[in-house]
Amino acid sequence: MLPFARVTIIGLGLIGSSLARAVRDAMPTVRLTGHDADPGVRDTVRALGLMDDVADTPGAAVIDADLVVLCVPVGAMGAVASDLASDLPADCIVSDVGSSKASVAAALRAALPTATIVPAHPVAGTEKSGPGAGFATLFRGRWCIVTPLADGDAVAATRVADFWRRLGAEVETMDPDHHDLVLAITSHLPHLIAYTIVGTADDLEQVTQSEVIKFSAGGFRDFTRIAASDPTMWRDVFLSNRDAVLEMLGRFSEDLSQLQRAIRYGDGDALFDRFTRTRAIRRSIVDQGQDDAAADFGRRHD
């Protein structure tokens, strides 16, 4: 038995359109309805035939839903939830895909005080955006973290977890605050570092833009991929998860200062020890199937 028969997706960019494609592939009998605030995106999704219906308002999209998944920037969650509140069926479950969870949970509870809310976060994505960038296998083999509310409905949380498993995701359950701390170091801080490094290179007056592009080695090139991520989404992530990000940024700054001292005073042993530890982390990620062990990160050279 399927966990849901009628699913509504609000926000039809990369994640929302990928979710629609994945549901179509894994659960083809599920009726899919969607909405996006951008009329052009709605037209594109209609042309792609990703859904049974694309509504022009959030309320019309959710009117008969079993599950509503909000795929909008975390800063917009509360406003979008308020827009659909009066049309939401009493027995519908509301979830989301946001990268921060405590602030999203609070915003959804404020906007939908009587609704059944089960926040979730599929840890998947690319630097691209828009409905044309989506693909059905985006979540396959990736983690989806379900973060039930402390006083939430356990059966509803189980149904949401089952939904993501059917899409090919590995599911983990976490407390929302713990999720935010974990993601601050594994996702949010790396993005912040990438934005900083690429911005610093762009600001250097003695290095022309053409030289930065022409002589980009693998490391800088990888940072530019991360730094090309959607600016609205990441602005909202940093603001909504500011406490955890600032805590991790403080720890990172302390470690960076230690490396700075090691380089300044020629402490090769300290550098070698740190690099050996980090190499082991990379091997663990590959061993757990979270990345490819192919040489040069799988880049083609033909």
C-alpha atoms as a PDB file:
ATOM      1  CA  MET A   1       0.000   0.000   0.000  1.00  0.00           C
ATOM      2  CA  LEU A   2       1.325   3.415  -0.966  1.00  0.00           C
ATOM      3  CA  PRO A   3       1.932   5.892   1.865  1.00  0.00           C
ATOM      4  CA  PHE A   4       0.046   8.651  -0.032  1.00  0.00           C
ATOM      5  CA  ALA A   5      -2.383   8.697  -2.939  1.00  0.00           C
ATOM      6  CA  ARG A   6      -2.449  12.451  -3.659  1.00  0.00           C
ATOM      7  CA  VAL A   7       0.749  14.481  -3.364  1.00  0.00           C
ATOM      8  CA  THR A   8       1.093  18.226  -3.833  1.00  0.00           C
ATOM      9  CA  ILE A   9       4.461  19.881  -4.449  1.00  0.00           C
ATOM     10  CA  ILE A  10       4.758  23.615  -3.809  1.00  0.00           C
ATOM     11  CA  GLY A  11       7.831  25.069  -5.524  1.00  0.00           C
ATOM     12  CA  LEU A  12       8.812  23.448  -8.826  1.00  0.00           C
ATOM     13  CA  GLY A  13      12.504  24.222  -9.201  1.00  0.00           C
ATOM     14  CA  LEU A  14      15.312  21.661  -9.157  1.00  0.00           C
ATOM     15  CA  ILE A  15      14.162  19.811  -6.028  1.00  0.00           C
ATOM     16  CA  GLY A  16      10.415  20.105  -6.633  1.00  0.00           C
ATOM     17  CA  SER A  17      10.601  19.005 -10.261  1.00  0.00           C
ATOM     18  CA  SER A  18      12.993  16.167  -9.362  1.00  0.00           C
ATOM     19  CA  LEU A  19      10.550  15.068  -6.679  1.00  0.00           C
ATOM     20  CA  ALA A  20       7.724  15.029  -9.232  1.00  0.00           C
ATOM     21  CA  ARG A  21       9.820  12.951 -11.633  1.00  0.00           C
ATOM     22  CA  ALA A  22      10.852  10.549  -8.868  1.00  0.00           C
ATOM     23  CA  VAL A  23       7.255  10.039  -7.724  1.00  0.00           C
ATOM     24  CA  ARG A  24       6.190   9.410 -11.332  1.00  0.00           C
ATOM     25  CA  ASP A  25       8.866   6.726 -11.679  1.00  0.00           C
ATOM     26  CA  ALA A  26       8.461   5.037  -8.295  1.00  0.00           C
ATOM     27  CA  MET A  27       4.739   5.492  -7.615  1.00  0.00           C
ATOM     28  CA  PRO A  28       3.032   6.098 -10.976  1.00  0.00           C
ATOM     29  CA  THR A  29      -0.509   5.810  -9.591  1.00  0.00           C
ATOM     30  CA  VAL A  30      -0.037   8.755  -7.213  1.00  0.00           C
ATOM     31  CA  ARG A  31      -1.930  11.844  -8.346  1.00  0.00           C
ATOM     32  CA  LEU A  32       0.518  14.758  -8.536  1.00  0.00           C
ATOM     33  CA  THR A  33      -0.491  18.395  -8.202  1.00  0.00           C
ATOM     34  CA  GLY A  34       1.855  21.346  -8.055  1.00  0.00           C
ATOM     35  CA  HIS A  35       2.186  25.083  -7.794  1.00  0.00           C
ATOM     36  CA  ASP A  36       4.976  27.603  -8.260  1.00  0.00           C
ATOM     37  CA  ALA A  37       4.799  31.345  -7.631  1.00  0.00           C
ATOM     38  CA  ASP A  38       6.448  31.993 -11.009  1.00  0.00           C
ATOM     39  CA  PRO A  39       3.944  31.740 -13.918  1.00  0.00           C
ATOM     40  CA  GLY A  40       6.799  30.909 -16.294  1.00  0.00           C
ATOM     41  CA  VAL A  41       7.828  27.951 -14.163  1.00  0.00           C
ATOM     42  CA  ARG A  42       4.226  26.744 -14.043  1.00  0.00           C
ATOM     43  CA  ASP A  43       4.055  26.911 -17.849  1.00  0.00           C
ATOM     44  CA  THR A  44       7.335  25.005 -18.165  1.00  0.00           C
ATOM     45  CA  VAL A  45       6.150  22.240 -15.835  1.00  0.00           C
ATOM     46  CA  ARG A  46       2.901  21.938 -17.778  1.00  0.00           C
ATOM     47  CA  ALA A  47       4.856  21.685 -21.028  1.00  0.00           C
ATOM     48  CA  LEU A  48       7.105  19.007 -19.536  1.00  0.00           C
ATOM     49  CA  GLY A  49       4.058  17.013 -18.405  1.00  0.00           C
ATOM     50  CA  LEU A  50       5.492  16.382 -14.963  1.00  0.00           C
ATOM     51  CA  MET A  51       2.204  16.543 -13.064  1.00  0.00           C
ATOM     52  CA  ASP A  52      -1.471  15.738 -13.380  1.00  0.00           C
ATOM     53  CA  ASP A  53      -2.336  19.346 -12.604  1.00  0.00           C
ATOM     54  CA  VAL A  54      -0.460  22.607 -12.043  1.00  0.00           C
ATOM     55  CA  ALA A  55      -2.588  25.047 -10.068  1.00  0.00           C
ATOM     56  CA  ASP A  56      -2.325  28.820 -10.259  1.00  0.00           C
ATOM     57  CA  THR A  57      -2.642  29.283  -6.473  1.00  0.00           C
ATOM     58  CA  PRO A  58      -1.260  27.369  -3.479  1.00  0.00           C
ATOM     59  CA  GLY A  59      -4.745  26.835  -2.067  1.00  0.00           C
ATOM     60  CA  ALA A  60      -6.057  25.249  -5.251  1.00  0.00           C
ATOM     61  CA  ALA A  61      -3.039  22.933  -5.318  1.00  0.00           C
ATOM     62  CA  VAL A  62      -3.568  21.488  -1.836  1.00  0.00           C
ATOM     63  CA  ILE A  63      -7.336  21.231  -1.667  1.00  0.00           C
ATOM     64  CA  ASP A  64      -7.471  17.408  -1.835  1.00  0.00           C
ATOM     65  CA  ALA A  65      -3.889  16.460  -0.920  1.00  0.00           C
ATOM     66  CA  ASP A  66      -2.767  13.672   1.421  1.00  0.00           C
ATOM     67  CA  LEU A  67       0.781  15.035   1.509  1.00  0.00           C
ATOM     68  CA  VAL A  68       2.026  18.555   0.788  1.00  0.00           C
ATOM     69  CA  VAL A  69       5.770  19.009   0.284  1.00  0.00           C
ATOM     70  CA  LEU A  70       7.064  22.579   0.410  1.00  0.00           C
ATOM     71  CA  CYS A  71      10.052  22.915  -1.934  1.00  0.00           C
ATOM     72  CA  VAL A  72      10.647  26.639  -1.479  1.00  0.00           C
ATOM     73  CA  PRO A  73      13.537  28.582   0.101  1.00  0.00           C
ATOM     74  CA  VAL A  74      13.514  28.162   3.878  1.00  0.00           C
ATOM     75  CA  GLY A  75      12.899  31.873   4.367  1.00  0.00           C
ATOM     76  CA  ALA A  76       9.630  31.595   2.449  1.00  0.00           C
ATOM     77  CA  MET A  77       8.222  28.539   4.264  1.00  0.00           C
ATOM     78  CA  GLY A  78       6.052  30.449   6.718  1.00  0.00           C
ATOM     79  CA  ALA A  79       4.538  32.779   4.137  1.00  0.00           C
ATOM     80  CA  VAL A  80       3.794  29.948   1.700  1.00  0.00           C
ATOM     81  CA  ALA A  81       2.232  27.851   4.464  1.00  0.00           C
ATOM     82  CA  SER A  82       0.012  30.795   5.430  1.00  0.00           C
ATOM     83  CA  ASP A  83      -1.126  31.164   1.824  1.00  0.00           C
ATOM     84  CA  LEU A  84      -2.458  27.596   1.710  1.00  0.00           C
ATOM     85  CA  ALA A  85      -3.642  27.268   5.310  1.00  0.00           C
ATOM     86  CA  SER A  86      -7.341  27.871   4.698  1.00  0.00           C
ATOM     87  CA  ASP A  87      -7.528  25.219   1.943  1.00  0.00           C
ATOM     88  CA  LEU A  88      -5.461  22.510   3.637  1.00  0.00           C
ATOM     89  CA  PRO A  89      -7.431  19.307   4.364  1.00  0.00           C
ATOM     90  CA  ALA A  90      -7.616  18.457   8.060  1.00  0.00           C
ATOM     91  CA  ASP A  91      -5.999  15.027   7.603  1.00  0.00           C
ATOM     92  CA  CYS A  92      -3.204  16.191   5.279  1.00  0.00           C
ATOM     93  CA  ILE A  93       0.468  15.876   6.278  1.00  0.00           C
ATOM     94  CA  VAL A  94       2.718  18.864   5.571  1.00  0.00           C
ATOM     95  CA  SER A  95       6.419  18.313   4.968  1.00  0.00           C
ATOM     96  CA  ASP A  96       9.282  20.210   3.336  1.00  0.00           C
ATOM     97  CA  VAL A  97      12.775  19.781   1.882  1.00  0.00           C
ATOM     98  CA  GLY A  98      14.567  22.650   3.613  1.00  0.00           C
ATOM     99  CA  SER A  99      18.232  22.517   4.588  1.00  0.00           C
ATOM    100  CA  SER A 100      17.565  23.932   8.068  1.00  0.00           C
ATOM    101  CA  LYS A 101      14.942  22.361  10.263  1.00  0.00           C
ATOM    102  CA  ALA A 102      14.388  24.064  13.636  1.00  0.00           C
ATOM    103  CA  SER A 103      13.461  27.424  12.096  1.00  0.00           C
ATOM    104  CA  VAL A 104      11.313  25.774   9.418  1.00  0.00           C
ATOM    105  CA  ALA A 105       9.466  23.699  12.008  1.00  0.00           C
ATOM    106  CA  ALA A 106       8.741  26.843  14.022  1.00  0.00           C
ATOM    107  CA  ALA A 107       7.536  28.742  10.950  1.00  0.00           C
ATOM    108  CA  LEU A 108       5.243  25.902   9.864  1.00  0.00           C
ATOM    109  CA  ARG A 109       3.754  25.465  13.334  1.00  0.00           C
ATOM    110  CA  ALA A 110       3.038  29.179  13.549  1.00  0.00           C
ATOM    111  CA  ALA A 111       1.349  29.235  10.136  1.00  0.00           C
ATOM    112  CA  LEU A 112      -0.426  25.877  10.486  1.00  0.00           C
ATOM    113  CA  PRO A 113      -1.136  25.399  14.216  1.00  0.00           C
ATOM    114  CA  THR A 114      -3.577  22.511  13.756  1.00  0.00           C
ATOM    115  CA  ALA A 115      -1.825  20.714  10.878  1.00  0.00           C
ATOM    116  CA  THR A 116       0.203  17.500  11.047  1.00  0.00           C
ATOM    117  CA  ILE A 117       3.773  18.606  10.296  1.00  0.00           C
ATOM    118  CA  VAL A 118       6.728  16.314   9.554  1.00  0.00           C
ATOM    119  CA  PRO A 119       9.810  18.283   8.428  1.00  0.00           C
ATOM    120  CA  ALA A 120      12.337  16.477   6.231  1.00  0.00           C
ATOM    121  CA  HIS A 121      15.534  17.214   4.334  1.00  0.00           C
ATOM    122  CA  PRO A 122      16.700  15.188   1.315  1.00  0.00           C
ATOM    123  CA  VAL A 123      20.463  15.753   1.282  1.00  0.00           C
ATOM    124  CA  ALA A 124      20.724  15.985  -2.484  1.00  0.00           C
ATOM    125  CA  GLY A 125      20.992  18.651  -5.122  1.00  0.00           C
ATOM    126  CA  THR A 126      23.134  20.228  -7.789  1.00  0.00           C
ATOM    127  CA  GLU A 127      24.340  23.754  -8.482  1.00  0.00           C
ATOM    128  CA  LYS A 128      21.700  24.075 -11.210  1.00  0.00           C
ATOM    129  CA  SER A 129      18.170  25.360 -10.744  1.00  0.00           C
ATOM    130  CA  GLY A 130      14.784  25.407 -12.445  1.00  0.00           C
ATOM    131  CA  PRO A 131      12.348  22.673 -13.493  1.00  0.00           C
ATOM    132  CA  GLY A 132      14.404  21.745 -16.537  1.00  0.00           C
ATOM    133  CA  ALA A 133      17.350  20.814 -14.313  1.00  0.00           C
ATOM    134  CA  GLY A 134      15.455  18.168 -12.345  1.00  0.00           C
ATOM    135  CA  PHE A 135      15.893  14.418 -12.744  1.00  0.00           C
ATOM    136  CA  ALA A 136      14.171  11.380 -11.272  1.00  0.00           C
ATOM    137  CA  THR A 137      17.252   9.770  -9.721  1.00  0.00           C
ATOM    138  CA  LEU A 138      18.376  12.811  -7.705  1.00  0.00           C
ATOM    139  CA  PHE A 139      17.434  11.208  -4.382  1.00  0.00           C
ATOM    140  CA  ARG A 140      18.412   7.636  -5.168  1.00  0.00           C
ATOM    141  CA  GLY A 141      21.067   6.348  -2.772  1.00  0.00           C
ATOM    142  CA  ARG A 142      21.170   9.708  -0.948  1.00  0.00           C
ATOM    143  CA  TRP A 143      20.110  10.439   2.604  1.00  0.00           C
ATOM    144  CA  CYS A 144      16.805  11.983   3.550  1.00  0.00           C
ATOM    145  CA  ILE A 145      16.736  13.180   7.150  1.00  0.00           C
ATOM    146  CA  VAL A 146      13.273  13.168   8.723  1.00  0.00           C
ATOM    147  CA  THR A 147      13.023  15.453  11.765  1.00  0.00           C
ATOM    148  CA  PRO A 148       9.729  14.793  13.582  1.00  0.00           C
ATOM    149  CA  LEU A 149       8.509  17.369  16.067  1.00  0.00           C
ATOM    150  CA  ALA A 150       8.858  16.405  19.734  1.00  0.00           C
ATOM    151  CA  ASP A 151       5.088  16.207  20.142  1.00  0.00           C
ATOM    152  CA  GLY A 152       4.401  15.166  16.561  1.00  0.00           C
ATOM    153  CA  ASP A 153       2.457  12.276  15.064  1.00  0.00           C
ATOM    154  CA  ALA A 154       4.671   9.163  14.984  1.00  0.00           C
ATOM    155  CA  VAL A 155       2.507   7.433  12.370  1.00  0.00           C
ATOM    156  CA  ALA A 156       2.731  10.461  10.084  1.00  0.00           C
ATOM    157  CA  ALA A 157       6.529  10.488  10.457  1.00  0.00           C
ATOM    158  CA  THR A 158       6.637   6.810   9.489  1.00  0.00           C
ATOM    159  CA  ARG A 159       4.554   7.518   6.373  1.00  0.00           C
ATOM    160  CA  VAL A 160       6.872  10.351   5.319  1.00  0.00           C
ATOM    161  CA  ALA A 161       9.915   8.121   5.859  1.00  0.00           C
ATOM    162  CA  ASP A 162       8.285   5.382   3.762  1.00  0.00           C
ATOM    163  CA  PHE A 163       7.566   7.922   1.008  1.00  0.00           C
ATOM    164  CA  TRP A 164      11.247   8.842   0.730  1.00  0.00           C
ATOM    165  CA  ARG A 165      12.410   5.237   0.879  1.00  0.00           C
ATOM    166  CA  ARG A 166      10.176   4.431  -2.094  1.00  0.00           C
ATOM    167  CA  LEU A 167      12.015   7.170  -4.008  1.00  0.00           C
ATOM    168  CA  GLY A 168      15.293   5.364  -3.394  1.00  0.00           C
ATOM    169  CA  ALA A 169      16.568   7.472  -0.492  1.00  0.00           C
ATOM    170  CA  GLU A 170      18.228   6.219   2.675  1.00  0.00           C
ATOM    171  CA  VAL A 171      16.285   7.601   5.643  1.00  0.00           C
ATOM    172  CA  GLU A 172      17.655   8.820   8.978  1.00  0.00           C
ATOM    173  CA  THR A 173      15.634  10.346  11.832  1.00  0.00           C
ATOM    174  CA  MET A 174      17.056  13.260  13.828  1.00  0.00           C
ATOM    175  CA  ASP A 175      16.013  15.939  16.262  1.00  0.00           C
ATOM    176  CA  PRO A 176      15.664  19.250  14.331  1.00  0.00           C
ATOM    177  CA  ASP A 177      18.324  21.060  16.387  1.00  0.00           C
ATOM    178  CA  HIS A 178      20.806  18.209  15.995  1.00  0.00           C
ATOM    179  CA  HIS A 179      20.138  18.144  12.255  1.00  0.00           C
ATOM    180  CA  ASP A 180      20.975  21.831  12.012  1.00  0.00           C
ATOM    181  CA  LEU A 181      24.291  21.365  13.810  1.00  0.00           C
ATOM    182  CA  VAL A 182      25.285  18.401  11.612  1.00  0.00           C
ATOM    183  CA  LEU A 183      24.345  20.170   8.384  1.00  0.00           C
ATOM    184  CA  ALA A 184      26.110  23.349   9.460  1.00  0.00           C
ATOM    185  CA  ILE A 185      29.462  21.535   9.213  1.00  0.00           C
ATOM    186  CA  THR A 186      28.715  19.096   6.376  1.00  0.00           C
ATOM    187  CA  SER A 187      26.883  21.462   4.026  1.00  0.00           C
ATOM    188  CA  HIS A 188      26.411  25.052   5.141  1.00  0.00           C
ATOM    189  CA  LEU A 189      29.986  25.884   6.153  1.00  0.00           C
ATOM    190  CA  PRO A 190      31.471  24.366   2.950  1.00  0.00           C
ATOM    191  CA  HIS A 191      29.146  26.554   0.902  1.00  0.00           C
ATOM    192  CA  LEU A 192      30.135  29.604   2.928  1.00  0.00           C
ATOM    193  CA  ILE A 193      33.824  28.818   2.359  1.00  0.00           C
ATOM    194  CA  ALA A 194      33.229  28.335  -1.363  1.00  0.00           C
ATOM    195  CA  TYR A 195      31.425  31.655  -1.683  1.00  0.00           C
ATOM    196  CA  THR A 196      34.272  33.348   0.221  1.00  0.00           C
ATOM    197  CA  ILE A 197      37.132  31.847  -1.803  1.00  0.00           C
ATOM    198  CA  VAL A 198      35.537  32.568  -5.163  1.00  0.00           C
ATOM    199  CA  GLY A 199      34.624  36.074  -4.033  1.00  0.00           C
ATOM    200  CA  THR A 200      38.177  36.699  -2.801  1.00  0.00           C
ATOM    201  CA  ALA A 201      39.619  35.620  -6.149  1.00  0.00           C
ATOM    202  CA  ASP A 202      37.221  37.930  -7.928  1.00  0.00           C
ATOM    203  CA  ASP A 203      38.210  40.847  -5.686  1.00  0.00           C
ATOM    204  CA  LEU A 204      41.979  40.526  -6.162  1.00  0.00           C
ATOM    205  CA  GLU A 205      43.038  43.511  -8.213  1.00  0.00           C
ATOM    206  CA  GLN A 206      46.412  42.034  -9.202  1.00  0.00           C
ATOM    207  CA  VAL A 207      44.812  38.912 -10.741  1.00  0.00           C
ATOM    208  CA  THR A 208      42.584  39.584 -13.701  1.00  0.00           C
ATOM    209  CA  GLN A 209      39.333  37.697 -14.110  1.00  0.00           C
ATOM    210  CA  SER A 210      40.654  36.023 -17.237  1.00  0.00           C
ATOM    211  CA  GLU A 211      43.649  34.650 -15.319  1.00  0.00           C
ATOM    212  CA  VAL A 212      41.450  33.296 -12.532  1.00  0.00           C
ATOM    213  CA  ILE A 213      39.377  31.441 -15.108  1.00  0.00           C
ATOM    214  CA  LYS A 214      42.313  30.394 -17.300  1.00  0.00           C
ATOM    215  CA  PHE A 215      44.460  28.963 -14.518  1.00  0.00           C
ATOM    216  CA  SER A 216      41.748  27.450 -12.346  1.00  0.00           C
ATOM    217  CA  ALA A 217      43.127  24.223 -10.875  1.00  0.00           C
ATOM    218  CA  GLY A 218      40.864  21.428  -9.713  1.00  0.00           C
ATOM    219  CA  GLY A 219      40.381  22.763  -6.176  1.00  0.00           C
ATOM    220  CA  PHE A 220      39.272  26.254  -7.196  1.00  0.00           C
ATOM    221  CA  ARG A 221      37.159  24.813 -10.008  1.00  0.00           C
ATOM    222  CA  ASP A 222      35.280  22.643  -7.499  1.00  0.00           C
ATOM    223  CA  PHE A 223      34.663  25.652  -5.280  1.00  0.00           C
ATOM    224  CA  THR A 224      33.169  27.560  -8.216  1.00  0.00           C
ATOM    225  CA  ARG A 225      30.686  24.733  -8.766  1.00  0.00           C
ATOM    226  CA  ILE A 226      29.481  25.013  -5.174  1.00  0.00           C
ATOM    227  CA  ALA A 227      29.478  28.816  -5.330  1.00  0.00           C
ATOM    228  CA  ALA A 228      27.175  28.671  -8.366  1.00  0.00           C
ATOM    229  CA  SER A 229      24.327  27.378  -6.186  1.00  0.00           C
ATOM    230  CA  ASP A 230      21.058  29.292  -5.955  1.00  0.00           C
ATOM    231  CA  PRO A 231      21.747  32.582  -4.092  1.00  0.00           C
ATOM    232  CA  THR A 232      18.224  32.993  -2.708  1.00  0.00           C
ATOM    233  CA  MET A 233      18.184  29.500  -1.226  1.00  0.00           C
ATOM    234  CA  TRP A 234      21.590  29.851   0.409  1.00  0.00           C
ATOM    235  CA  ARG A 235      20.948  33.349   1.730  1.00  0.00           C
ATOM    236  CA  ASP A 236      17.914  31.943   3.534  1.00  0.00           C
ATOM    237  CA  VAL A 237      19.802  28.872   4.781  1.00  0.00           C
ATOM    238  CA  PHE A 238      22.511  30.933   6.453  1.00  0.00           C
ATOM    239  CA  LEU A 239      20.012  33.291   8.068  1.00  0.00           C
ATOM    240  CA  SER A 240      17.677  30.536   9.241  1.00  0.00           C
ATOM    241  CA  ASN A 241      20.486  28.374  10.680  1.00  0.00           C
ATOM    242  CA  ARG A 242      22.662  31.231  11.898  1.00  0.00           C
ATOM    243  CA  ASP A 243      23.380  29.901  15.405  1.00  0.00           C
ATOM    244  CA  ALA A 244      24.703  26.531  14.251  1.00  0.00           C
ATOM    245  CA  VAL A 245      26.592  28.080  11.317  1.00  0.00           C
ATOM    246  CA  LEU A 246      28.249  30.658  13.571  1.00  0.00           C
ATOM    247  CA  GLU A 247      29.257  27.935  16.042  1.00  0.00           C
ATOM    248  CA  MET A 248      30.842  25.839  13.297  1.00  0.00           C
ATOM    249  CA  LEU A 249      32.429  28.926  11.731  1.00  0.00           C
ATOM    250  CA  GLY A 250      34.055  29.726  15.084  1.00  0.00           C
ATOM    251  CA  ARG A 251      35.513  26.226  15.321  1.00  0.00           C
ATOM    252  CA  PHE A 252      36.716  26.416  11.722  1.00  0.00           C
ATOM    253  CA  SER A 253      38.384  29.777  12.365  1.00  0.00           C
ATOM    254  CA  GLU A 254      40.298  28.294  15.310  1.00  0.00           C
ATOM    255  CA  ASP A 255      41.480  25.341  13.196  1.00  0.00           C
ATOM    256  CA  LEU A 256      42.435  27.689  10.371  1.00  0.00           C
ATOM    257  CA  SER A 257      44.525  29.751  12.784  1.00  0.00           C
ATOM    258  CA  GLN A 258      46.381  26.586  13.847  1.00  0.00           C
ATOM    259  CA  LEU A 259      47.179  25.776  10.220  1.00  0.00           C
ATOM    260  CA  GLN A 260      48.290  29.358   9.657  1.00  0.00           C
ATOM    261  CA  ARG A 261      50.744  29.081  12.556  1.00  0.00           C
ATOM    262  CA  ALA A 262      52.014  25.708  11.313  1.00  0.00           C
ATOM    263  CA  ILE A 263      52.765  27.164   7.887  1.00  0.00           C
ATOM    264  CA  ARG A 264      54.341  30.330   9.318  1.00  0.00           C
ATOM    265  CA  TYR A 265      56.678  28.431  11.659  1.00  0.00           C
ATOM    266  CA  GLY A 266      57.429  25.538   9.284  1.00  0.00           C
ATOM    267  CA  ASP A 267      55.695  22.882  11.395  1.00  0.00           C
ATOM    268  CA  GLY A 268      55.520  20.176   8.748  1.00  0.00           C
ATOM    269  CA  ASP A 269      54.514  17.475  11.256  1.00  0.00           C
ATOM    270  CA  ALA A 270      51.357  19.369  12.226  1.00  0.00           C
ATOM    271  CA  LEU A 271      50.421  19.839   8.579  1.00  0.00           C
ATOM    272  CA  PHE A 272      51.103  16.195   7.733  1.00  0.00           C
ATOM    273  CA  ASP A 273      49.039  14.958  10.696  1.00  0.00           C
ATOM    274  CA  ARG A 274      46.057  17.155   9.732  1.00  0.00           C
ATOM    275  CA  PHE A 275      46.203  16.125   6.075  1.00  0.00           C
ATOM    276  CA  THR A 276      46.420  12.437   7.010  1.00  0.00           C
ATOM    277  CA  ARG A 277      43.286  12.723   9.157  1.00  0.00           C
ATOM    278  CA  THR A 278      41.335  14.508   6.432  1.00  0.00           C
ATOM    279  CA  ARG A 279      42.383  11.960   3.823  1.00  0.00           C
ATOM    280  CA  ALA A 280      40.850   9.240   5.982  1.00  0.00           C
ATOM    281  CA  ILE A 281      37.548  11.175   6.057  1.00  0.00           C
ATOM    282  CA  ARG A 282      37.521  11.239   2.254  1.00  0.00           C
ATOM    283  CA  ARG A 283      38.061   7.483   2.111  1.00  0.00           C
ATOM    284  CA  SER A 284      35.193   6.921   4.545  1.00  0.00           C
ATOM    285  CA  ILE A 285      32.836   8.980   2.387  1.00  0.00           C
ATOM    286  CA  VAL A 286      33.727   6.912  -0.678  1.00  0.00           C
ATOM    287  CA  ASP A 287      33.441   3.638   1.281  1.00  0.00           C
ATOM    288  CA  GLN A 288      29.897   4.573   2.360  1.00  0.00           C
ATOM    289  CA  GLY A 289      28.855   5.211  -1.236  1.00  0.00           C
ATOM    290  CA  GLN A 290      28.415   8.966  -0.835  1.00  0.00           C
ATOM    291  CA  ASP A 291      30.851   9.750  -3.679  1.00  0.00           C
ATOM    292  CA  ASP A 292      32.743   8.133  -6.518  1.00  0.00           C
ATOM    293  CA  ALA A 293      36.293   6.857  -6.086  1.00  0.00           C
ATOM    294  CA  ALA A 294      37.080   7.439  -9.780  1.00  0.00           C
ATOM    295  CA  ALA A 295      40.328   9.250 -10.458  1.00  0.00           C
ATOM    296  CA  ASP A 296      40.119  13.062 -10.536  1.00  0.00           C
ATOM    297  CA  PHE A 297      36.558  12.894  -9.140  1.00  0.00           C
ATOM    298  CA  GLY A 298      35.327  11.201 -12.306  1.00  0.00           C
ATOM    299  CA  ARG A 299      36.166  14.099 -14.600  1.00  0.00           C
ATOM    300  CA  ARG A 300      36.468  13.320 -18.280  1.00  0.00           C
ATOM    301  CA  HIS A 301      39.673  14.374 -20.018  1.00  0.00           C
ATOM    302  CA  ASP A 302      38.889  13.498 -23.643  1.00  0.00           C
END
